[in-house]
């Protein structure tokens, strides 16, 4: 559907650090003190597993579609910029497939967004640090 060379050159680096990695990085950098470090988890499954049978399957398909559309809002401009305009049917197919993958994952495992939230305070700079 798309040029293999363009596909091979496309990359969106993404890294999700653990709370321990965030804490270590803040400590290593040294300019801030951590006031609070929390992890919040938000289920992709809005029903929280409380549905069963065909209702559950329908909700997971709908949730997969909604999640794919949320990702599409961010990713589509990047994809069009890299792969070129005029490929609306290609973009539609990519996100149709992505929605199916998300729905399948949701049907077989607990899926969550994990956020690391940090509250930091800038440390005072001591005059001797500039000597």
Protein backbone atom coordinates (compact mmCIF):
# COMPACT_ATOMS: atom_id res chain seq x y z
CA UNK A 1 0.00 0.00 0.00
CA UNK A 2 2.97 2.34 0.60
CA UNK A 3 6.54 2.65 -0.60
CA UNK A 4 8.80 0.25 1.36
CA UNK A 5 11.69 2.76 1.47
CA UNK A 6 9.46 5.42 3.07
CA UNK A 7 8.16 2.83 5.52
CA UNK A 8 11.72 1.84 6.49
CA UNK A 9 12.63 5.51 7.12
CA UNK A 10 9.55 6.26 9.25
CA UNK A 11 10.18 6.29 13.00
CA UNK A 12 8.43 7.90 15.95
CA UNK A 13 10.68 7.25 18.95
CA UNK A 14 8.72 6.76 22.13
CA UNK A 15 9.96 5.77 25.54
CA UNK A 16 7.90 5.40 28.70
CA UNK A 17 10.16 5.64 31.75
CA UNK A 18 9.36 3.87 34.99
CA UNK A 19 8.89 5.93 38.16
CA UNK A 20 12.32 4.72 39.37
CA UNK A 21 13.92 5.96 36.12
CA UNK A 22 12.25 9.37 36.48
CA UNK A 23 13.44 9.61 40.09
CA UNK A 24 17.00 8.60 39.15
CA UNK A 25 17.13 11.10 36.28
CA UNK A 26 15.88 13.96 38.46
CA UNK A 27 18.45 13.03 41.13
CA UNK A 28 21.28 12.76 38.57
CA UNK A 29 20.42 16.11 36.97
CA UNK A 30 20.42 17.71 40.43
CA UNK A 31 18.48 20.95 39.84
CA UNK A 32 15.18 19.74 41.27
CA UNK A 33 13.81 17.99 44.33
CA UNK A 34 10.90 15.60 43.96
CA UNK A 35 7.94 16.68 46.05
CA UNK A 36 5.69 13.89 44.85
CA UNK A 37 5.89 11.04 42.35
CA UNK A 38 2.77 9.08 41.43
CA UNK A 39 1.63 6.55 38.89
CA UNK A 40 -1.92 6.58 37.59
CA UNK A 41 -3.44 3.84 35.48
CA UNK A 42 -6.45 4.37 33.27
CA UNK A 43 -8.14 1.33 31.78
CA UNK A 44 -8.78 1.36 28.03
CA UNK A 45 -11.93 -0.62 28.81
CA UNK A 46 -14.55 1.92 29.88
CA UNK A 47 -16.80 -0.90 31.12
CA UNK A 48 -14.02 -2.14 33.46
CA UNK A 49 -14.95 -5.72 32.56
CA UNK A 50 -18.48 -5.37 33.97
CA UNK A 51 -20.20 -6.45 30.74
CA UNK A 52 -20.51 -9.96 29.36
CA UNK A 53 -21.40 -11.76 26.13
CA UNK A 54 -22.18 -9.75 23.01
CA UNK A 55 -22.34 -6.47 24.98
CA UNK A 56 -18.73 -6.95 26.04
CA UNK A 57 -17.58 -7.71 22.47
CA UNK A 58 -19.43 -4.70 21.10
CA UNK A 59 -17.97 -2.40 23.78
CA UNK A 60 -14.42 -3.64 23.15
CA UNK A 61 -14.83 -3.07 19.39
CA UNK A 62 -16.20 0.41 20.04
CA UNK A 63 -13.39 1.13 22.51
CA UNK A 64 -10.78 -0.10 20.00
CA UNK A 65 -12.28 2.21 17.38
CA UNK A 66 -12.29 5.18 19.81
CA UNK A 67 -8.69 4.58 20.91
CA UNK A 68 -7.55 4.28 17.28
CA UNK A 69 -9.28 7.57 16.48
CA UNK A 70 -7.60 9.28 19.45
CA UNK A 71 -4.21 8.09 18.23
CA UNK A 72 -5.15 9.11 14.68
CA UNK A 73 -5.64 12.73 15.77
CA UNK A 74 -1.96 12.90 16.74
CA UNK A 75 -0.41 10.49 14.23
CA UNK A 76 -2.26 11.35 11.00
CA UNK A 77 -0.46 14.67 10.35
CA UNK A 78 2.89 12.92 10.89
CA UNK A 79 1.93 10.08 8.56
CA UNK A 80 0.65 12.41 5.82
CA UNK A 81 3.76 14.59 6.15
CA UNK A 82 6.07 11.59 5.75
CA UNK A 83 4.15 9.44 3.26
CA UNK A 84 2.51 12.23 1.28
CA UNK A 85 -0.99 13.57 0.83
CA UNK A 86 -3.64 11.91 -1.30
CA UNK A 87 -3.55 8.65 0.60
CA UNK A 88 -6.78 9.07 2.56
CA UNK A 89 -7.80 5.49 1.77
CA UNK A 90 -4.41 4.26 3.01
CA UNK A 91 -4.74 6.23 6.26
CA UNK A 92 -8.30 4.93 6.71
CA UNK A 93 -7.08 1.36 6.22
CA UNK A 94 -4.14 1.80 8.64
CA UNK A 95 -6.43 2.99 11.42
CA UNK A 96 -9.11 0.40 10.63
CA UNK A 97 -6.44 -2.27 11.12
CA UNK A 98 -5.13 -0.54 14.24
CA UNK A 99 -8.65 -0.44 15.74
CA UNK A 100 -8.98 -4.20 15.10
CA UNK A 101 -5.61 -4.84 16.79
CA UNK A 102 -6.57 -2.75 19.83
CA UNK A 103 -9.97 -4.49 20.07
CA UNK A 104 -8.24 -7.89 19.94
CA UNK A 105 -5.75 -6.90 22.64
CA UNK A 106 -8.55 -5.61 24.85
CA UNK A 107 -10.41 -8.89 24.45
CA UNK A 108 -7.38 -10.89 25.61
CA UNK A 109 -5.65 -8.77 28.24
CA UNK A 110 -6.09 -5.90 30.63
CA UNK A 111 -5.05 -2.78 28.74
CA UNK A 112 -4.15 0.47 30.50
CA UNK A 113 -2.62 3.85 29.91
CA UNK A 114 0.08 4.39 32.54
CA UNK A 115 1.05 7.95 33.48
CA UNK A 116 3.97 8.96 35.68
CA UNK A 117 3.20 12.27 37.39
CA UNK A 118 5.94 14.23 39.13
CA UNK A 119 5.80 17.41 41.18
CA UNK A 120 9.23 19.04 41.36
CA UNK A 121 10.69 22.05 43.15
CA UNK A 122 13.71 23.86 41.75
CA UNK A 123 16.59 23.75 44.18
CA UNK A 124 18.22 27.00 45.24
CA UNK A 125 21.55 27.59 43.55
CA UNK A 126 24.33 28.06 46.10
CA UNK A 127 26.80 30.90 45.38
CA UNK A 128 29.72 28.46 45.82
CA UNK A 129 28.47 26.33 42.94
CA UNK A 130 29.64 29.03 40.47
CA UNK A 131 33.17 29.36 41.89
